[in-house]
Amino acid sequence: MDFKQKIIALSILPLVLSMLIIVLALHYQSELLSEQSGASYREKILELRKQQLQSNIELAMGAISHIYQAASEEDLLAQKQVAEILNTLQHGDDGYFFVYSDRGVNIVHPRQPYRVGKDLWDWVDVSGNPLIQILISNAQQGGGFMNICGRSLQRGYWLRSLLTLSCWINGVGW
């Protein structure tokens, strides 16, 4: 390589290096923005799902309030009426209401009726968490949203995160 070619190469090299640095910086910024947008989108979707679930719970509670407000925990007829109503309610394609007694006995499960009447207190999810105990404890402490590891009955496989909202129904002991 003669002197003229070396000068040209040395003058082009900084230009190529600076362009490479700019391309890498733009790629990094693009990836960062994509991650931030994805996280923001997931947060918005989760918030919308929480609002929808809260509304569905309020509608369900409104549908049964006239029964449980006048009932005692020993009122088996009221419990049966509440269970029948909740068995018919759904929200969305994959949403339904399930109910457990304070001892872990399944009262309502429209998608898996074979569970009704069974003591599921010791049932654990795929992560080994005592799911029913956690749901009942959460409801007894005022309720709230939880992400649980559960099986999607619609899809037929385990999901890492199902959004649930626990609440306690005074008057029927659930």
N, C-alpha and C. Protein backbone atom coordinates (compact mmCIF):
# COMPACT_ATOMS: atom_id res chain seq x y z
N MET A 1 0.86 -1.16 0.00
CA MET A 1 0.00 0.00 0.00
C MET A 1 0.91 1.24 0.00
N ASP A 2 0.70 2.13 -0.97
CA ASP A 2 1.54 3.31 -1.04
C ASP A 2 1.03 4.40 -0.09
N PHE A 3 1.76 5.48 -0.01
CA PHE A 3 1.48 6.56 0.93
C PHE A 3 0.10 7.17 0.71
N LYS A 4 -0.30 7.37 -0.55
CA LYS A 4 -1.59 7.97 -0.87
C LYS A 4 -2.74 7.09 -0.38
N GLN A 5 -2.63 5.78 -0.56
CA GLN A 5 -3.67 4.86 -0.11
C GLN A 5 -3.75 4.83 1.42
N LYS A 6 -2.59 4.94 2.07
CA LYS A 6 -2.59 4.97 3.54
C LYS A 6 -3.30 6.21 4.05
N ILE A 7 -3.07 7.35 3.43
CA ILE A 7 -3.71 8.60 3.83
C ILE A 7 -5.23 8.48 3.64
N ILE A 8 -5.65 7.93 2.50
CA ILE A 8 -7.09 7.76 2.24
C ILE A 8 -7.69 6.81 3.28
N ALA A 9 -7.01 5.71 3.55
CA ALA A 9 -7.51 4.73 4.53
C ALA A 9 -7.60 5.36 5.91
N LEU A 10 -6.58 6.14 6.29
CA LEU A 10 -6.60 6.79 7.60
C LEU A 10 -7.67 7.87 7.68
N SER A 11 -8.01 8.50 6.58
CA SER A 11 -9.06 9.52 6.61
C SER A 11 -10.46 8.88 6.60
N ILE A 12 -10.60 7.73 5.98
CA ILE A 12 -11.90 7.05 5.94
C ILE A 12 -12.17 6.27 7.22
N LEU A 13 -11.16 5.74 7.85
CA LEU A 13 -11.31 4.92 9.05
C LEU A 13 -12.08 5.63 10.16
N PRO A 14 -11.78 6.88 10.52
CA PRO A 14 -12.57 7.54 11.57
C PRO A 14 -14.04 7.71 11.17
N LEU A 15 -14.28 7.97 9.88
CA LEU A 15 -15.66 8.10 9.41
C LEU A 15 -16.41 6.78 9.57
N VAL A 16 -15.79 5.68 9.17
CA VAL A 16 -16.42 4.36 9.30
C VAL A 16 -16.64 4.02 10.77
N LEU A 17 -15.65 4.27 11.61
CA LEU A 17 -15.79 3.99 13.05
C LEU A 17 -16.89 4.84 13.67
N SER A 18 -16.96 6.12 13.32
CA SER A 18 -18.01 6.96 13.90
C SER A 18 -19.39 6.51 13.41
N MET A 19 -19.50 6.10 12.15
CA MET A 19 -20.79 5.60 11.66
C MET A 19 -21.17 4.31 12.38
N LEU A 20 -20.20 3.44 12.62
CA LEU A 20 -20.47 2.20 13.34
C LEU A 20 -20.94 2.49 14.76
N ILE A 21 -20.32 3.44 15.42
CA ILE A 21 -20.72 3.82 16.78
C ILE A 21 -22.14 4.40 16.77
N ILE A 22 -22.44 5.23 15.79
CA ILE A 22 -23.79 5.81 15.68
C ILE A 22 -24.83 4.71 15.45
N VAL A 23 -24.54 3.77 14.57
CA VAL A 23 -25.47 2.67 14.29
C VAL A 23 -25.69 1.83 15.55
N LEU A 24 -24.63 1.52 16.27
CA LEU A 24 -24.76 0.74 17.51
C LEU A 24 -25.56 1.51 18.56
N ALA A 25 -25.31 2.81 18.68
CA ALA A 25 -26.06 3.63 19.65
C ALA A 25 -27.54 3.68 19.29
N LEU A 26 -27.84 3.85 18.02
CA LEU A 26 -29.24 3.87 17.57
C LEU A 26 -29.92 2.52 17.84
N HIS A 27 -29.21 1.44 17.58
CA HIS A 27 -29.76 0.11 17.84
C HIS A 27 -30.04 -0.07 19.34
N TYR A 28 -29.10 0.34 20.17
CA TYR A 28 -29.29 0.24 21.62
C TYR A 28 -30.50 1.06 22.07
N GLN A 29 -30.60 2.30 21.58
CA GLN A 29 -31.72 3.16 21.95
C GLN A 29 -33.05 2.57 21.47
N SER A 30 -33.04 1.99 20.29
CA SER A 30 -34.24 1.36 19.75
C SER A 30 -34.67 0.18 20.62
N GLU A 31 -33.73 -0.66 21.03
CA GLU A 31 -34.04 -1.80 21.90
C GLU A 31 -34.57 -1.31 23.25
N LEU A 32 -33.95 -0.29 23.80
CA LEU A 32 -34.37 0.25 25.09
C LEU A 32 -35.79 0.82 25.00
N LEU A 33 -36.06 1.56 23.95
CA LEU A 33 -37.40 2.13 23.75
C LEU A 33 -38.44 1.02 23.57
N SER A 34 -38.07 -0.02 22.84
CA SER A 34 -38.97 -1.15 22.63
C SER A 34 -39.31 -1.83 23.95
N GLU A 35 -38.31 -2.05 24.80
CA GLU A 35 -38.55 -2.66 26.11
C GLU A 35 -39.44 -1.78 26.97
N GLN A 36 -39.18 -0.48 26.99
CA GLN A 36 -39.98 0.43 27.79
C GLN A 36 -41.42 0.49 27.29
N SER A 37 -41.59 0.51 25.98
CA SER A 37 -42.94 0.53 25.41
C SER A 37 -43.68 -0.75 25.74
N GLY A 38 -42.99 -1.88 25.66
CA GLY A 38 -43.60 -3.16 25.98
C GLY A 38 -44.02 -3.23 27.44
N ALA A 39 -43.17 -2.75 28.34
CA ALA A 39 -43.50 -2.75 29.77
C ALA A 39 -44.68 -1.83 30.04
N SER A 40 -44.69 -0.67 29.41
CA SER A 40 -45.80 0.26 29.59
C SER A 40 -47.10 -0.34 29.06
N TYR A 41 -47.03 -1.00 27.92
CA TYR A 41 -48.21 -1.64 27.33
C TYR A 41 -48.73 -2.73 28.26
N ARG A 42 -47.82 -3.57 28.80
CA ARG A 42 -48.23 -4.64 29.71
C ARG A 42 -48.89 -4.07 30.96
N GLU A 43 -48.34 -2.98 31.49
CA GLU A 43 -48.92 -2.35 32.68
C GLU A 43 -50.33 -1.83 32.38
N LYS A 44 -50.51 -1.22 31.23
CA LYS A 44 -51.84 -0.70 30.86
C LYS A 44 -52.84 -1.84 30.69
N ILE A 45 -52.42 -2.91 30.04
CA ILE A 45 -53.31 -4.06 29.85
C ILE A 45 -53.67 -4.67 31.20
N LEU A 46 -52.70 -4.81 32.09
CA LEU A 46 -52.97 -5.36 33.42
C LEU A 46 -53.93 -4.48 34.19
N GLU A 47 -53.76 -3.18 34.10
CA GLU A 47 -54.67 -2.26 34.79
C GLU A 47 -56.09 -2.36 34.22
N LEU A 48 -56.20 -2.48 32.91
CA LEU A 48 -57.52 -2.65 32.30
C LEU A 48 -58.16 -3.97 32.73
N ARG A 49 -57.37 -5.03 32.80
CA ARG A 49 -57.90 -6.33 33.25
C ARG A 49 -58.36 -6.24 34.70
N LYS A 50 -57.61 -5.53 35.52
CA LYS A 50 -58.01 -5.37 36.93
C LYS A 50 -59.33 -4.61 37.03
N GLN A 51 -59.46 -3.55 36.25
CA GLN A 51 -60.71 -2.78 36.26
C GLN A 51 -61.89 -3.64 35.80
N GLN A 52 -61.66 -4.42 34.76
CA GLN A 52 -62.72 -5.28 34.24
C GLN A 52 -63.09 -6.35 35.26
N LEU A 53 -62.10 -6.96 35.90
CA LEU A 53 -62.38 -7.98 36.91
C LEU A 53 -63.10 -7.38 38.11
N GLN A 54 -62.68 -6.19 38.53
CA GLN A 54 -63.35 -5.51 39.64
C GLN A 54 -64.81 -5.24 39.30
N SER A 55 -65.06 -4.78 38.09
CA SER A 55 -66.45 -4.52 37.66
C SER A 55 -67.26 -5.81 37.64
N ASN A 56 -66.67 -6.89 37.15
CA ASN A 56 -67.38 -8.16 37.12
C ASN A 56 -67.69 -8.67 38.52
N ILE A 57 -66.76 -8.49 39.44
CA ILE A 57 -67.01 -8.90 40.84
C ILE A 57 -68.15 -8.07 41.42
N GLU A 58 -68.12 -6.77 41.16
CA GLU A 58 -69.18 -5.90 41.68
C GLU A 58 -70.54 -6.29 41.11
N LEU A 59 -70.59 -6.63 39.82
CA LEU A 59 -71.84 -7.08 39.21
C LEU A 59 -72.31 -8.40 39.84
N ALA A 60 -71.38 -9.31 40.05
CA ALA A 60 -71.74 -10.59 40.67
C ALA A 60 -72.23 -10.39 42.10
N MET A 61 -71.54 -9.54 42.85
CA MET A 61 -71.96 -9.28 44.23
C MET A 61 -73.34 -8.62 44.24
N GLY A 62 -73.59 -7.75 43.27
CA GLY A 62 -74.90 -7.12 43.16
C GLY A 62 -75.99 -8.14 42.84
N ALA A 63 -75.64 -9.15 42.06
CA ALA A 63 -76.62 -10.17 41.68
C ALA A 63 -77.00 -11.07 42.85
N ILE A 64 -76.12 -11.17 43.85
CA ILE A 64 -76.41 -12.07 44.97
C ILE A 64 -76.62 -11.34 46.29
N SER A 65 -76.43 -10.03 46.31
CA SER A 65 -76.49 -9.29 47.58
C SER A 65 -77.83 -9.40 48.28
N HIS A 66 -78.92 -9.43 47.52
CA HIS A 66 -80.24 -9.53 48.14
C HIS A 66 -80.40 -10.85 48.90
N ILE A 67 -79.62 -11.85 48.53
CA ILE A 67 -79.71 -13.15 49.21
C ILE A 67 -78.80 -13.17 50.43
N TYR A 68 -77.51 -12.85 50.25
CA TYR A 68 -76.58 -13.03 51.36
C TYR A 68 -76.72 -11.97 52.45
N GLN A 69 -77.26 -10.81 52.13
CA GLN A 69 -77.42 -9.78 53.17
C GLN A 69 -78.48 -10.18 54.19
N ALA A 70 -79.43 -10.96 53.78
CA ALA A 70 -80.50 -11.38 54.69
C ALA A 70 -80.25 -12.77 55.27
N ALA A 71 -79.11 -13.38 54.96
CA ALA A 71 -78.85 -14.76 55.37
C ALA A 71 -77.87 -14.84 56.52
N SER A 72 -77.88 -15.99 57.16
CA SER A 72 -76.86 -16.30 58.17
C SER A 72 -75.92 -17.34 57.56
N GLU A 73 -74.81 -17.58 58.23
CA GLU A 73 -73.85 -18.55 57.70
C GLU A 73 -74.41 -19.97 57.68
N GLU A 74 -75.44 -20.22 58.46
CA GLU A 74 -76.04 -21.56 58.50
C GLU A 74 -77.20 -21.71 57.52
N ASP A 75 -77.55 -20.67 56.81
CA ASP A 75 -78.70 -20.69 55.90
C ASP A 75 -78.33 -21.44 54.62
N LEU A 76 -78.62 -22.73 54.59
CA LEU A 76 -78.24 -23.57 53.46
C LEU A 76 -78.99 -23.21 52.18
N LEU A 77 -80.23 -22.77 52.30
CA LEU A 77 -80.99 -22.36 51.12
C LEU A 77 -80.34 -21.14 50.47
N ALA A 78 -79.95 -20.18 51.28
CA ALA A 78 -79.28 -18.98 50.75
C ALA A 78 -77.96 -19.36 50.08
N GLN A 79 -77.21 -20.26 50.70
CA GLN A 79 -75.94 -20.70 50.11
C GLN A 79 -76.19 -21.36 48.76
N LYS A 80 -77.22 -22.19 48.69
CA LYS A 80 -77.54 -22.87 47.44
C LYS A 80 -77.94 -21.87 46.36
N GLN A 81 -78.74 -20.87 46.72
CA GLN A 81 -79.17 -19.87 45.75
C GLN A 81 -77.98 -19.05 45.23
N VAL A 82 -77.10 -18.65 46.15
CA VAL A 82 -75.91 -17.89 45.76
C VAL A 82 -75.04 -18.73 44.83
N ALA A 83 -74.84 -19.99 45.17
CA ALA A 83 -74.02 -20.88 44.34
C ALA A 83 -74.62 -21.04 42.95
N GLU A 84 -75.93 -21.19 42.86
CA GLU A 84 -76.58 -21.35 41.56
C GLU A 84 -76.39 -20.11 40.69
N ILE A 85 -76.52 -18.95 41.29
CA ILE A 85 -76.34 -17.71 40.52
C ILE A 85 -74.89 -17.58 40.04
N LEU A 86 -73.94 -17.79 40.95
CA LEU A 86 -72.53 -17.64 40.58
C LEU A 86 -72.09 -18.68 39.55
N ASN A 87 -72.71 -19.84 39.55
CA ASN A 87 -72.39 -20.87 38.56
C ASN A 87 -72.75 -20.44 37.15
N THR A 88 -73.72 -19.55 37.02
CA THR A 88 -74.16 -19.13 35.68
C THR A 88 -73.41 -17.91 35.15
N LEU A 89 -72.69 -17.22 36.02
CA LEU A 89 -72.02 -15.98 35.60
C LEU A 89 -70.65 -16.28 35.01
N GLN A 90 -70.34 -15.59 33.92
CA GLN A 90 -69.03 -15.69 33.29
C GLN A 90 -68.57 -14.29 32.92
N HIS A 91 -67.28 -14.14 32.73
CA HIS A 91 -66.77 -12.88 32.19
C HIS A 91 -65.69 -13.19 31.17
N GLY A 92 -65.98 -12.79 29.95
CA GLY A 92 -65.06 -13.05 28.86
C GLY A 92 -65.10 -14.52 28.44
N ASP A 93 -64.13 -14.91 27.63
CA ASP A 93 -64.06 -16.28 27.14
C ASP A 93 -63.55 -17.25 28.19
N ASP A 94 -62.67 -16.79 29.06
CA ASP A 94 -61.98 -17.69 29.98
C ASP A 94 -62.23 -17.33 31.44
N GLY A 95 -63.16 -16.43 31.71
CA GLY A 95 -63.37 -15.98 33.08
C GLY A 95 -64.63 -16.57 33.69
N TYR A 96 -64.52 -16.93 34.95
CA TYR A 96 -65.66 -17.48 35.68
C TYR A 96 -65.42 -17.23 37.16
N PHE A 97 -66.44 -17.46 37.96
CA PHE A 97 -66.34 -17.27 39.40
C PHE A 97 -66.22 -18.63 40.07
N PHE A 98 -65.30 -18.73 41.01
CA PHE A 98 -65.21 -19.93 41.83
C PHE A 98 -65.27 -19.52 43.28
N VAL A 99 -65.80 -20.41 44.12
CA VAL A 99 -66.02 -20.07 45.53
C VAL A 99 -65.54 -21.23 46.39
N TYR A 100 -64.87 -20.88 47.49
CA TYR A 100 -64.43 -21.85 48.49
C TYR A 100 -64.94 -21.43 49.86
N SER A 101 -65.24 -22.41 50.69
CA SER A 101 -65.60 -22.10 52.07
C SER A 101 -64.32 -21.70 52.81
N ASP A 102 -64.48 -21.22 54.04
CA ASP A 102 -63.30 -20.82 54.80
C ASP A 102 -62.42 -22.01 55.18
N ARG A 103 -62.89 -23.22 54.93
CA ARG A 103 -62.10 -24.43 55.22
C ARG A 103 -61.54 -25.07 53.95
N GLY A 104 -61.75 -24.43 52.81
CA GLY A 104 -61.18 -24.93 51.56
C GLY A 104 -62.06 -25.87 50.77
N VAL A 105 -63.32 -26.00 51.16
CA VAL A 105 -64.25 -26.85 50.40
C VAL A 105 -64.78 -26.04 49.22
N ASN A 106 -64.69 -26.63 48.03
CA ASN A 106 -65.15 -25.93 46.84
C ASN A 106 -66.67 -25.89 46.83
N ILE A 107 -67.22 -24.70 46.65
CA ILE A 107 -68.67 -24.48 46.63
C ILE A 107 -69.16 -24.26 45.20
N VAL A 108 -68.40 -23.49 44.43
CA VAL A 108 -68.79 -23.15 43.06
C VAL A 108 -67.57 -23.30 42.16
N HIS A 109 -67.73 -24.02 41.08
CA HIS A 109 -66.71 -24.09 40.04
C HIS A 109 -67.41 -24.54 38.75
N PRO A 110 -67.93 -23.58 37.98
CA PRO A 110 -68.74 -23.93 36.80
C PRO A 110 -67.98 -24.70 35.73
N ARG A 111 -66.68 -24.54 35.64
CA ARG A 111 -65.91 -25.22 34.60
C ARG A 111 -65.43 -26.60 35.03
N GLN A 112 -65.35 -26.82 36.34
CA GLN A 112 -64.92 -28.12 36.86
C GLN A 112 -65.86 -28.56 37.98
N PRO A 113 -67.08 -28.93 37.63
CA PRO A 113 -68.08 -29.25 38.65
C PRO A 113 -67.70 -30.45 39.52
N TYR A 114 -66.79 -31.29 39.06
CA TYR A 114 -66.36 -32.43 39.87
C TYR A 114 -65.62 -31.99 41.13
N ARG A 115 -65.17 -30.75 41.19
CA ARG A 115 -64.50 -30.23 42.39
C ARG A 115 -65.47 -29.81 43.49
N VAL A 116 -66.70 -29.53 43.11
CA VAL A 116 -67.69 -29.02 44.07
C VAL A 116 -67.89 -30.05 45.18
N GLY A 117 -67.82 -29.55 46.42
CA GLY A 117 -67.98 -30.40 47.60
C GLY A 117 -66.69 -31.03 48.08
N LYS A 118 -65.61 -30.89 47.32
CA LYS A 118 -64.33 -31.49 47.69
C LYS A 118 -63.50 -30.53 48.53
N ASP A 119 -62.79 -31.09 49.50
CA ASP A 119 -61.88 -30.31 50.35
C ASP A 119 -60.57 -30.15 49.59
N LEU A 120 -60.28 -28.94 49.17
CA LEU A 120 -59.07 -28.66 48.40
C LEU A 120 -58.08 -27.80 49.17
N TRP A 121 -58.20 -27.81 50.50
CA TRP A 121 -57.36 -26.99 51.36
C TRP A 121 -55.88 -27.20 51.08
N ASP A 122 -55.46 -28.44 50.86
CA ASP A 122 -54.04 -28.76 50.68
C ASP A 122 -53.60 -28.77 49.22
N TRP A 123 -54.46 -28.35 48.31
CA TRP A 123 -54.11 -28.36 46.89
C TRP A 123 -53.01 -27.35 46.61
N VAL A 124 -52.00 -27.75 45.87
CA VAL A 124 -50.89 -26.85 45.53
C VAL A 124 -50.82 -26.68 44.01
N ASP A 125 -50.32 -25.51 43.61
CA ASP A 125 -50.15 -25.26 42.18
C ASP A 125 -48.83 -25.88 41.72
N VAL A 126 -48.48 -25.68 40.46
CA VAL A 126 -47.27 -26.29 39.90
C VAL A 126 -46.00 -25.76 40.54
N SER A 127 -46.09 -24.62 41.23
CA SER A 127 -44.93 -24.07 41.92
C SER A 127 -44.85 -24.54 43.37
N GLY A 128 -45.84 -25.33 43.81
CA GLY A 128 -45.83 -25.84 45.18
C GLY A 128 -46.50 -24.92 46.18
N ASN A 129 -47.17 -23.88 45.71
CA ASN A 129 -47.86 -22.95 46.62
C ASN A 129 -49.24 -23.49 46.99
N PRO A 130 -49.61 -23.40 48.28
CA PRO A 130 -50.95 -23.85 48.69
C PRO A 130 -52.00 -22.84 48.23
N LEU A 131 -52.42 -22.99 47.01
CA LEU A 131 -53.22 -21.99 46.32
C LEU A 131 -54.52 -21.64 47.03
N ILE A 132 -55.28 -22.63 47.45
CA ILE A 132 -56.58 -22.37 48.07
C ILE A 132 -56.38 -21.65 49.40
N GLN A 133 -55.39 -22.05 50.17
CA GLN A 133 -55.10 -21.39 51.45
C GLN A 133 -54.74 -19.92 51.23
N ILE A 134 -53.96 -19.67 50.20
CA ILE A 134 -53.56 -18.29 49.89
C ILE A 134 -54.77 -17.46 49.48
N LEU A 135 -55.62 -18.02 48.61
CA LEU A 135 -56.82 -17.30 48.17
C LEU A 135 -57.75 -16.99 49.33
N ILE A 136 -57.96 -17.96 50.22
CA ILE A 136 -58.85 -17.76 51.36
C ILE A 136 -58.27 -16.74 52.32
N SER A 137 -56.99 -16.85 52.60
CA SER A 137 -56.34 -15.89 53.50
C SER A 137 -56.43 -14.48 52.94
N ASN A 138 -56.20 -14.34 51.65
CA ASN A 138 -56.29 -13.04 51.00
C ASN A 138 -57.70 -12.47 51.12
N ALA A 139 -58.71 -13.30 50.89
CA ALA A 139 -60.11 -12.85 50.98
C ALA A 139 -60.46 -12.44 52.41
N GLN A 140 -60.01 -13.22 53.39
CA GLN A 140 -60.33 -12.92 54.79
C GLN A 140 -59.64 -11.65 55.27
N GLN A 141 -58.55 -11.27 54.61
CA GLN A 141 -57.83 -10.06 54.98
C GLN A 141 -58.29 -8.85 54.17
N GLY A 142 -59.42 -8.96 53.54
CA GLY A 142 -59.95 -7.82 52.79
C GLY A 142 -59.93 -8.00 51.30
N GLY A 143 -59.31 -9.06 50.84
CA GLY A 143 -59.31 -9.36 49.41
C GLY A 143 -58.30 -8.54 48.65
N GLY A 144 -58.39 -8.63 47.37
CA GLY A 144 -57.48 -7.90 46.50
C GLY A 144 -57.03 -8.77 45.35
N PHE A 145 -56.27 -8.17 44.47
CA PHE A 145 -55.80 -8.86 43.28
C PHE A 145 -54.60 -9.73 43.60
N MET A 146 -54.54 -10.84 42.92
CA MET A 146 -53.40 -11.75 43.03
C MET A 146 -53.13 -12.34 41.66
N ASN A 147 -51.87 -12.57 41.39
CA ASN A 147 -51.50 -13.35 40.22
C ASN A 147 -51.16 -14.74 40.72
N ILE A 148 -51.85 -15.73 40.19
CA ILE A 148 -51.62 -17.10 40.62
C ILE A 148 -51.18 -17.92 39.43
N CYS A 149 -50.57 -19.02 39.72
CA CYS A 149 -50.20 -19.96 38.67
C CYS A 149 -51.34 -20.95 38.56
N GLY A 150 -52.03 -20.93 37.47
CA GLY A 150 -53.19 -21.80 37.32
C GLY A 150 -53.31 -22.34 35.92
N ARG A 151 -54.26 -23.20 35.75
CA ARG A 151 -54.48 -23.85 34.46
C ARG A 151 -55.57 -23.11 33.70
N SER A 152 -55.29 -22.78 32.48
CA SER A 152 -56.29 -22.18 31.61
C SER A 152 -57.15 -23.31 31.05
N LEU A 153 -58.41 -23.33 31.46
CA LEU A 153 -59.29 -24.39 30.98
C LEU A 153 -59.60 -24.22 29.51
N GLN A 154 -59.62 -23.00 29.05
CA GLN A 154 -59.89 -22.71 27.64
C GLN A 154 -58.72 -23.16 26.77
N ARG A 155 -57.51 -22.87 27.24
CA ARG A 155 -56.32 -23.16 26.44
C ARG A 155 -55.75 -24.55 26.72
N GLY A 156 -56.05 -25.11 27.90
CA GLY A 156 -55.61 -26.47 28.21
C GLY A 156 -54.19 -26.60 28.71
N TYR A 157 -53.55 -25.51 29.14
CA TYR A 157 -52.20 -25.62 29.67
C TYR A 157 -52.02 -24.67 30.84
N TRP A 158 -50.96 -24.90 31.59
CA TRP A 158 -50.68 -24.08 32.78
C TRP A 158 -50.19 -22.70 32.35
N LEU A 159 -50.72 -21.70 33.02
CA LEU A 159 -50.27 -20.33 32.81
C LEU A 159 -49.50 -19.89 34.03
N ARG A 160 -48.49 -19.12 33.85
CA ARG A 160 -47.70 -18.64 34.97
C ARG A 160 -48.44 -17.58 35.77
N SER A 161 -49.37 -16.90 35.14
CA SER A 161 -50.01 -15.81 35.85
C SER A 161 -51.47 -15.67 35.44
N LEU A 162 -52.35 -16.04 36.34
CA LEU A 162 -53.77 -15.78 36.17
C LEU A 162 -54.15 -14.70 37.16
N LEU A 163 -54.84 -13.70 36.70
CA LEU A 163 -55.25 -12.62 37.58
C LEU A 163 -56.53 -13.03 38.30
N THR A 164 -56.49 -12.99 39.63
CA THR A 164 -57.68 -13.30 40.43
C THR A 164 -57.96 -12.14 41.36
N LEU A 165 -59.19 -12.05 41.77
CA LEU A 165 -59.59 -11.04 42.75
C LEU A 165 -60.36 -11.77 43.84
N SER A 166 -59.80 -11.79 45.04
CA SER A 166 -60.43 -12.47 46.16
C SER A 166 -61.33 -11.52 46.91
N CYS A 167 -62.45 -12.02 47.36
CA CYS A 167 -63.33 -11.24 48.23
C CYS A 167 -64.10 -12.21 49.11
N TRP A 168 -64.57 -11.71 50.23
CA TRP A 168 -65.29 -12.52 51.20
C TRP A 168 -66.76 -12.17 51.12
N ILE A 169 -67.63 -13.17 51.12
CA ILE A 169 -69.07 -12.93 51.08
C ILE A 169 -69.61 -13.09 52.49
N ASN A 170 -69.87 -11.97 53.15
CA ASN A 170 -70.44 -12.03 54.49
C ASN A 170 -71.85 -12.57 54.42
N GLY A 171 -72.23 -13.31 55.42
CA GLY A 171 -73.59 -13.84 55.47
C GLY A 171 -73.68 -15.29 55.07
N VAL A 172 -72.77 -15.75 54.23
CA VAL A 172 -72.79 -17.16 53.86
C VAL A 172 -71.49 -17.87 54.24
N GLY A 173 -70.53 -17.14 54.78
CA GLY A 173 -69.29 -17.76 55.26
C GLY A 173 -68.33 -18.19 54.17
N TRP A 174 -68.39 -17.50 53.04
CA TRP A 174 -67.48 -17.82 51.94
C TRP A 174 -66.61 -16.62 51.64
